[in-house]
All heavy atoms as atom14 arrays in JSON, in Angstrom:
{
  "sequence": "KGSTLAHCVRTKYVEEQEEQEQGGLVLFLHLS",
  "atom14_mask": [
    [1, 1, 1, 1, 1, 1, 1, 1, 1, 0, 0, 0, 0, 0],
    [1, 1, 1, 1, 0, 0, 0, 0, 0, 0, 0, 0, 0, 0],
    [1, 1, 1, 1, 1, 1, 0, 0, 0, 0, 0, 0, 0, 0],
    [1, 1, 1, 1, 1, 1, 1, 0, 0, 0, 0, 0, 0, 0],
    [1, 1, 1, 1, 1, 1, 1, 1, 0, 0, 0, 0, 0, 0],
    [1, 1, 1, 1, 1, 0, 0, 0, 0, 0, 0, 0, 0, 0],
    [1, 1, 1, 1, 1, 1, 1, 1, 1, 1, 0, 0, 0, 0],
    [1, 1, 1, 1, 1, 1, 0, 0, 0, 0, 0, 0, 0, 0],
    [1, 1, 1, 1, 1, 1, 1, 0, 0, 0, 0, 0, 0, 0],
    [1, 1, 1, 1, 1, 1, 1, 1, 1, 1, 1, 0, 0, 0],
    [1, 1, 1, 1, 1, 1, 1, 0, 0, 0, 0, 0, 0, 0],
    [1, 1, 1, 1, 1, 1, 1, 1, 1, 0, 0, 0, 0, 0],
    [1, 1, 1, 1, 1, 1, 1, 1, 1, 1, 1, 1, 0, 0],
    [1, 1, 1, 1, 1, 1, 1, 0, 0, 0, 0, 0, 0, 0],
    [1, 1, 1, 1, 1, 1, 1, 1, 1, 0, 0, 0, 0, 0],
    [1, 1, 1, 1, 1, 1, 1, 1, 1, 0, 0, 0, 0, 0],
    [1, 1, 1, 1, 1, 1, 1, 1, 1, 0, 0, 0, 0, 0],
    [1, 1, 1, 1, 1, 1, 1, 1, 1, 0, 0, 0, 0, 0],
    [1, 1, 1, 1, 1, 1, 1, 1, 1, 0, 0, 0, 0, 0],
    [1, 1, 1, 1, 1, 1, 1, 1, 1, 0, 0, 0, 0, 0],
    [1, 1, 1, 1, 1, 1, 1, 1, 1, 0, 0, 0, 0, 0],
    [1, 1, 1, 1, 1, 1, 1, 1, 1, 0, 0, 0, 0, 0],
    [1, 1, 1, 1, 0, 0, 0, 0, 0, 0, 0, 0, 0, 0],
    [1, 1, 1, 1, 0, 0, 0, 0, 0, 0, 0, 0, 0, 0],
    [1, 1, 1, 1, 1, 1, 1, 1, 0, 0, 0, 0, 0, 0],
    [1, 1, 1, 1, 1, 1, 1, 0, 0, 0, 0, 0, 0, 0],
    [1, 1, 1, 1, 1, 1, 1, 1, 0, 0, 0, 0, 0, 0],
    [1, 1, 1, 1, 1, 1, 1, 1, 1, 1, 1, 0, 0, 0],
    [1, 1, 1, 1, 1, 1, 1, 1, 0, 0, 0, 0, 0, 0],
    [1, 1, 1, 1, 1, 1, 1, 1, 1, 1, 0, 0, 0, 0],
    [1, 1, 1, 1, 1, 1, 1, 1, 0, 0, 0, 0, 0, 0],
    [1, 1, 1, 1, 1, 1, 0, 0, 0, 0, 0, 0, 0, 0]
  ],
  "atom14_positions": [
    [[0.79, -1.16, -0.01], [-0.02, 0.04, 0.03], [0.92, 1.23, 0.0], [0.38, 2.42, -0.13], [-0.85, 0.01, 1.23], [-1.81, -1.19, 1.36], [-2.53, -1.18, 2.71], [-3.38, -2.37, 2.93], [-4.02, -2.33, 4.24], [0.0, 0.0, 0.0], [0.0, 0.0, 0.0], [0.0, 0.0, 0.0], [0.0, 0.0, 0.0], [0.0, 0.0, 0.0]],
    [[2.12, 1.18, 0.22], [2.98, 2.38, 0.25], [4.45, 1.9, 0.32], [4.78, 0.71, 0.46], [0.0, 0.0, 0.0], [0.0, 0.0, 0.0], [0.0, 0.0, 0.0], [0.0, 0.0, 0.0], [0.0, 0.0, 0.0], [0.0, 0.0, 0.0], [0.0, 0.0, 0.0], [0.0, 0.0, 0.0], [0.0, 0.0, 0.0], [0.0, 0.0, 0.0]],
    [[5.33, 2.91, 0.24], [6.78, 2.64, 0.18], [7.54, 3.46, 1.23], [8.72, 3.62, 1.07], [7.33, 2.93, -1.22], [7.07, 4.26, -1.57], [0.0, 0.0, 0.0], [0.0, 0.0, 0.0], [0.0, 0.0, 0.0], [0.0, 0.0, 0.0], [0.0, 0.0, 0.0], [0.0, 0.0, 0.0], [0.0, 0.0, 0.0], [0.0, 0.0, 0.0]],
    [[6.83, 4.0, 2.21], [7.58, 4.71, 3.26], [7.43, 3.94, 4.65], [6.46, 3.16, 4.84], [7.01, 6.16, 3.46], [5.7, 6.04, 4.08], [6.96, 6.88, 2.2], [0.0, 0.0, 0.0], [0.0, 0.0, 0.0], [0.0, 0.0, 0.0], [0.0, 0.0, 0.0], [0.0, 0.0, 0.0], [0.0, 0.0, 0.0], [0.0, 0.0, 0.0]],
    [[8.44, 4.09, 5.43], [8.5, 3.46, 6.72], [7.25, 3.88, 7.53], [6.53, 3.15, 8.21], [9.71, 3.72, 7.41], [9.9, 3.17, 8.88], [9.66, 1.69, 8.91], [11.22, 3.61, 9.46], [0.0, 0.0, 0.0], [0.0, 0.0, 0.0], [0.0, 0.0, 0.0], [0.0, 0.0, 0.0], [0.0, 0.0, 0.0], [0.0, 0.0, 0.0]],
    [[6.96, 5.17, 7.49], [5.81, 5.75, 8.27], [4.53, 5.15, 7.82], [3.72, 4.74, 8.74], [5.73, 7.28, 8.04], [0.0, 0.0, 0.0], [0.0, 0.0, 0.0], [0.0, 0.0, 0.0], [0.0, 0.0, 0.0], [0.0, 0.0, 0.0], [0.0, 0.0, 0.0], [0.0, 0.0, 0.0], [0.0, 0.0, 0.0], [0.0, 0.0, 0.0]],
    [[4.29, 4.99, 6.56], [3.09, 4.35, 6.07], [2.93, 2.94, 6.51], [1.83, 2.52, 6.92], [3.02, 4.49, 4.53], [1.76, 3.8, 3.95], [0.57, 4.54, 3.73], [1.49, 2.62, 3.57], [-0.38, 3.74, 3.21], [0.24, 2.51, 3.13], [0.0, 0.0, 0.0], [0.0, 0.0, 0.0], [0.0, 0.0, 0.0], [0.0, 0.0, 0.0]],
    [[4.06, 2.15, 6.45], [3.92, 0.78, 6.75], [3.75, 0.53, 8.26], [3.06, -0.36, 8.67], [5.21, 0.08, 6.3], [5.36, -0.04, 4.47], [0.0, 0.0, 0.0], [0.0, 0.0, 0.0], [0.0, 0.0, 0.0], [0.0, 0.0, 0.0], [0.0, 0.0, 0.0], [0.0, 0.0, 0.0], [0.0, 0.0, 0.0], [0.0, 0.0, 0.0]],
    [[4.37, 1.4, 9.03], [4.11, 1.33, 10.56], [2.65, 1.57, 10.8], [2.03, 0.82, 11.65], [4.99, 2.38, 11.27], [4.58, 2.56, 12.72], [6.49, 1.92, 11.26], [0.0, 0.0, 0.0], [0.0, 0.0, 0.0], [0.0, 0.0, 0.0], [0.0, 0.0, 0.0], [0.0, 0.0, 0.0], [0.0, 0.0, 0.0], [0.0, 0.0, 0.0]],
    [[2.06, 2.61, 10.17], [0.65, 2.95, 10.49], [-0.18, 1.8, 9.97], [-1.22, 1.42, 10.71], [0.3, 4.22, 9.81], [0.9, 5.49, 10.45], [0.23, 6.73, 9.93], [0.73, 7.93, 10.6], [1.89, 8.6, 10.15], [2.49, 8.25, 9.13], [2.23, 9.69, 10.8], [0.0, 0.0, 0.0], [0.0, 0.0, 0.0], [0.0, 0.0, 0.0]],
    [[0.07, 1.18, 8.81], [-0.77, 0.17, 8.27], [-0.79, -1.05, 9.11], [-1.85, -1.69, 9.45], [-0.26, -0.2, 6.86], [-0.33, 0.94, 6.03], [-1.15, -1.34, 6.26], [0.0, 0.0, 0.0], [0.0, 0.0, 0.0], [0.0, 0.0, 0.0], [0.0, 0.0, 0.0], [0.0, 0.0, 0.0], [0.0, 0.0, 0.0], [0.0, 0.0, 0.0]],
    [[0.42, -1.51, 9.64], [0.5, -2.69, 10.33], [0.16, -2.56, 11.89], [-0.53, -3.43, 12.39], [1.93, -3.27, 10.26], [2.15, -4.57, 10.99], [3.48, -5.2, 10.69], [3.61, -6.52, 11.46], [4.97, -7.17, 11.22], [0.0, 0.0, 0.0], [0.0, 0.0, 0.0], [0.0, 0.0, 0.0], [0.0, 0.0, 0.0], [0.0, 0.0, 0.0]],
    [[0.6, -1.42, 12.44], [0.51, -1.35, 13.87], [-0.51, -0.33, 14.43], [-0.84, -0.35, 15.61], [1.84, -0.93, 14.5], [2.97, -1.99, 14.31], [3.93, -1.87, 13.26], [2.95, -3.12, 15.1], [4.86, -2.87, 13.14], [3.94, -4.05, 14.93], [4.92, -3.92, 13.93], [5.83, -4.95, 13.81], [0.0, 0.0, 0.0], [0.0, 0.0, 0.0]],
    [[-1.12, 0.56, 13.51], [-2.02, 1.51, 13.93], [-3.39, 1.33, 13.31], [-4.38, 1.07, 13.96], [-1.52, 2.93, 13.7], [-2.51, 3.98, 14.18], [-0.18, 3.17, 14.33], [0.0, 0.0, 0.0], [0.0, 0.0, 0.0], [0.0, 0.0, 0.0], [0.0, 0.0, 0.0], [0.0, 0.0, 0.0], [0.0, 0.0, 0.0], [0.0, 0.0, 0.0]],
    [[-3.47, 1.35, 12.02], [-4.75, 1.24, 11.35], [-5.36, -0.03, 11.58], [-6.54, -0.2, 11.71], [-4.54, 1.57, 9.83], [-4.11, 3.01, 9.5], [-3.88, 3.13, 7.99], [-4.03, 2.2, 7.23], [-3.48, 4.27, 7.68], [0.0, 0.0, 0.0], [0.0, 0.0, 0.0], [0.0, 0.0, 0.0], [0.0, 0.0, 0.0], [0.0, 0.0, 0.0]],
    [[-4.62, -1.12, 11.48], [-5.14, -2.51, 11.71], [-5.7, -2.73, 13.09], [-6.77, -3.35, 13.27], [-4.05, -3.58, 11.38], [-4.65, -4.91, 11.13], [-3.62, -5.86, 10.58], [-2.83, -6.43, 11.42], [-3.47, -6.02, 9.43], [0.0, 0.0, 0.0], [0.0, 0.0, 0.0], [0.0, 0.0, 0.0], [0.0, 0.0, 0.0], [0.0, 0.0, 0.0]],
    [[-5.06, -2.09, 14.09], [-5.6, -2.22, 15.42], [-6.97, -1.46, 15.62], [-7.91, -1.87, 16.18], [-4.54, -1.58, 16.4], [-5.06, -1.52, 17.79], [-5.36, -2.89, 18.41], [-4.74, -3.86, 18.15], [-6.38, -2.96, 19.24], [0.0, 0.0, 0.0], [0.0, 0.0, 0.0], [0.0, 0.0, 0.0], [0.0, 0.0, 0.0], [0.0, 0.0, 0.0]],
    [[-7.01, -0.22, 14.85], [-8.24, 0.56, 14.88], [-9.36, -0.23, 14.32], [-10.51, -0.3, 14.79], [-8.02, 1.86, 14.19], [-7.15, 2.81, 14.92], [-6.86, 4.07, 14.26], [-7.26, 4.19, 13.05], [-6.2, 5.05, 14.76], [0.0, 0.0, 0.0], [0.0, 0.0, 0.0], [0.0, 0.0, 0.0], [0.0, 0.0, 0.0], [0.0, 0.0, 0.0]],
    [[-9.12, -0.95, 13.16], [-10.18, -1.76, 12.49], [-10.64, -2.87, 13.39], [-11.79, -3.19, 13.41], [-9.58, -2.29, 11.16], [-9.34, -1.19, 10.13], [-8.67, -1.78, 8.86], [-8.39, -2.99, 8.92], [-8.35, -0.96, 7.94], [0.0, 0.0, 0.0], [0.0, 0.0, 0.0], [0.0, 0.0, 0.0], [0.0, 0.0, 0.0], [0.0, 0.0, 0.0]],
    [[-9.71, -3.47, 14.14], [-10.1, -4.59, 15.01], [-11.01, -4.09, 16.07], [-11.94, -4.71, 16.41], [-8.86, -5.21, 15.6], [-7.96, -5.96, 14.61], [-6.53, -6.08, 15.05], [-6.24, -5.87, 16.21], [-5.63, -6.42, 14.16], [0.0, 0.0, 0.0], [0.0, 0.0, 0.0], [0.0, 0.0, 0.0], [0.0, 0.0, 0.0], [0.0, 0.0, 0.0]],
    [[-10.69, -2.95, 16.68], [-11.52, -2.44, 17.74], [-12.88, -2.02, 17.28], [-13.89, -2.29, 17.85], [-10.76, -1.17, 18.4], [-9.51, -1.61, 19.12], [-8.68, -0.32, 19.62], [-9.18, 0.73, 19.29], [-7.73, -0.55, 20.32], [0.0, 0.0, 0.0], [0.0, 0.0, 0.0], [0.0, 0.0, 0.0], [0.0, 0.0, 0.0], [0.0, 0.0, 0.0]],
    [[-12.94, -1.36, 16.05], [-14.25, -0.94, 15.48], [-15.07, -2.23, 15.14], [-16.28, -2.12, 15.17], [-13.94, -0.12, 14.23], [-13.38, 1.25, 14.6], [-12.91, 2.0, 13.35], [-13.19, 1.49, 12.22], [-12.37, 3.15, 13.51], [0.0, 0.0, 0.0], [0.0, 0.0, 0.0], [0.0, 0.0, 0.0], [0.0, 0.0, 0.0], [0.0, 0.0, 0.0]],
    [[-14.45, -3.3, 14.8], [-15.15, -4.47, 14.35], [-15.5, -5.41, 15.59], [-16.02, -6.44, 15.3], [0.0, 0.0, 0.0], [0.0, 0.0, 0.0], [0.0, 0.0, 0.0], [0.0, 0.0, 0.0], [0.0, 0.0, 0.0], [0.0, 0.0, 0.0], [0.0, 0.0, 0.0], [0.0, 0.0, 0.0], [0.0, 0.0, 0.0], [0.0, 0.0, 0.0]],
    [[-15.2, -4.93, 16.76], [-15.57, -5.74, 17.91], [-14.72, -6.99, 18.12], [-15.13, -7.93, 18.84], [0.0, 0.0, 0.0], [0.0, 0.0, 0.0], [0.0, 0.0, 0.0], [0.0, 0.0, 0.0], [0.0, 0.0, 0.0], [0.0, 0.0, 0.0], [0.0, 0.0, 0.0], [0.0, 0.0, 0.0], [0.0, 0.0, 0.0], [0.0, 0.0, 0.0]],
    [[-13.5, -7.02, 17.52], [-12.64, -8.16, 17.58], [-11.54, -8.04, 18.64], [-10.7, -8.91, 18.7], [-12.0, -8.52, 16.21], [-12.97, -8.81, 15.06], [-12.25, -9.01, 13.85], [-13.8, -10.05, 15.35], [0.0, 0.0, 0.0], [0.0, 0.0, 0.0], [0.0, 0.0, 0.0], [0.0, 0.0, 0.0], [0.0, 0.0, 0.0], [0.0, 0.0, 0.0]],
    [[-11.55, -6.86, 19.24], [-10.35, -6.64, 20.14], [-10.22, -7.62, 21.21], [-9.09, -7.99, 21.65], [-10.6, -5.22, 20.68], [-11.79, -5.1, 21.63], [-9.29, -4.79, 21.48], [0.0, 0.0, 0.0], [0.0, 0.0, 0.0], [0.0, 0.0, 0.0], [0.0, 0.0, 0.0], [0.0, 0.0, 0.0], [0.0, 0.0, 0.0], [0.0, 0.0, 0.0]],
    [[-11.38, -8.18, 21.82], [-11.21, -9.16, 22.83], [-10.59, -10.49, 22.4], [-10.02, -11.21, 23.14], [-12.62, -9.47, 23.52], [-13.26, -8.2, 24.21], [-14.66, -8.63, 24.68], [-12.34, -7.8, 25.32], [0.0, 0.0, 0.0], [0.0, 0.0, 0.0], [0.0, 0.0, 0.0], [0.0, 0.0, 0.0], [0.0, 0.0, 0.0], [0.0, 0.0, 0.0]],
    [[-10.75, -10.7, 21.1], [-10.17, -12.01, 20.53], [-8.76, -11.81, 20.17], [-7.92, -12.77, 20.29], [-11.09, -12.4, 19.26], [-10.51, -13.56, 18.61], [-10.64, -14.85, 19.11], [-9.92, -13.49, 17.36], [-10.11, -15.94, 18.49], [-9.4, -14.58, 16.69], [-9.47, -15.83, 17.23], [0.0, 0.0, 0.0], [0.0, 0.0, 0.0], [0.0, 0.0, 0.0]],
    [[-8.43, -10.67, 19.66], [-7.06, -10.5, 19.11], [-6.07, -9.73, 19.99], [-4.91, -10.04, 20.01], [-7.14, -9.71, 17.72], [-7.84, -10.48, 16.65], [-8.13, -9.55, 15.45], [-7.01, -11.65, 16.21], [0.0, 0.0, 0.0], [0.0, 0.0, 0.0], [0.0, 0.0, 0.0], [0.0, 0.0, 0.0], [0.0, 0.0, 0.0], [0.0, 0.0, 0.0]],
    [[-6.62, -8.67, 20.75], [-5.72, -7.83, 21.54], [-5.53, -8.44, 22.87], [-6.14, -8.1, 23.87], [-6.34, -6.5, 21.58], [-5.46, -5.44, 22.26], [-4.16, -5.21, 21.66], [-5.6, -4.58, 23.29], [-3.58, -4.22, 22.38], [-4.41, -3.93, 23.31], [0.0, 0.0, 0.0], [0.0, 0.0, 0.0], [0.0, 0.0, 0.0], [0.0, 0.0, 0.0]],
    [[-4.58, -9.47, 22.96], [-4.42, -10.22, 24.22], [-3.15, -9.77, 24.92], [-2.83, -10.31, 25.98], [-4.28, -11.71, 23.92], [-5.53, -12.27, 23.23], [-5.35, -13.76, 22.89], [-6.8, -12.04, 24.02], [0.0, 0.0, 0.0], [0.0, 0.0, 0.0], [0.0, 0.0, 0.0], [0.0, 0.0, 0.0], [0.0, 0.0, 0.0], [0.0, 0.0, 0.0]],
    [[-2.34, -8.88, 24.38], [-1.07, -8.48, 24.97], [-1.32, -7.72, 26.27], [-2.17, -6.81, 26.36], [-0.27, -7.6, 24.03], [0.88, -7.1, 24.63], [0.0, 0.0, 0.0], [0.0, 0.0, 0.0], [0.0, 0.0, 0.0], [0.0, 0.0, 0.0], [0.0, 0.0, 0.0], [0.0, 0.0, 0.0], [0.0, 0.0, 0.0], [0.0, 0.0, 0.0]]
  ]
}
């Protein structure tokens, strides 16, 4: 989706987490 470090950090570690929380999957996935 992009070629910058900033974009890839957001895609993997920020945006994906937000999508999980909005989808109600945080209790299943966010176990750390």
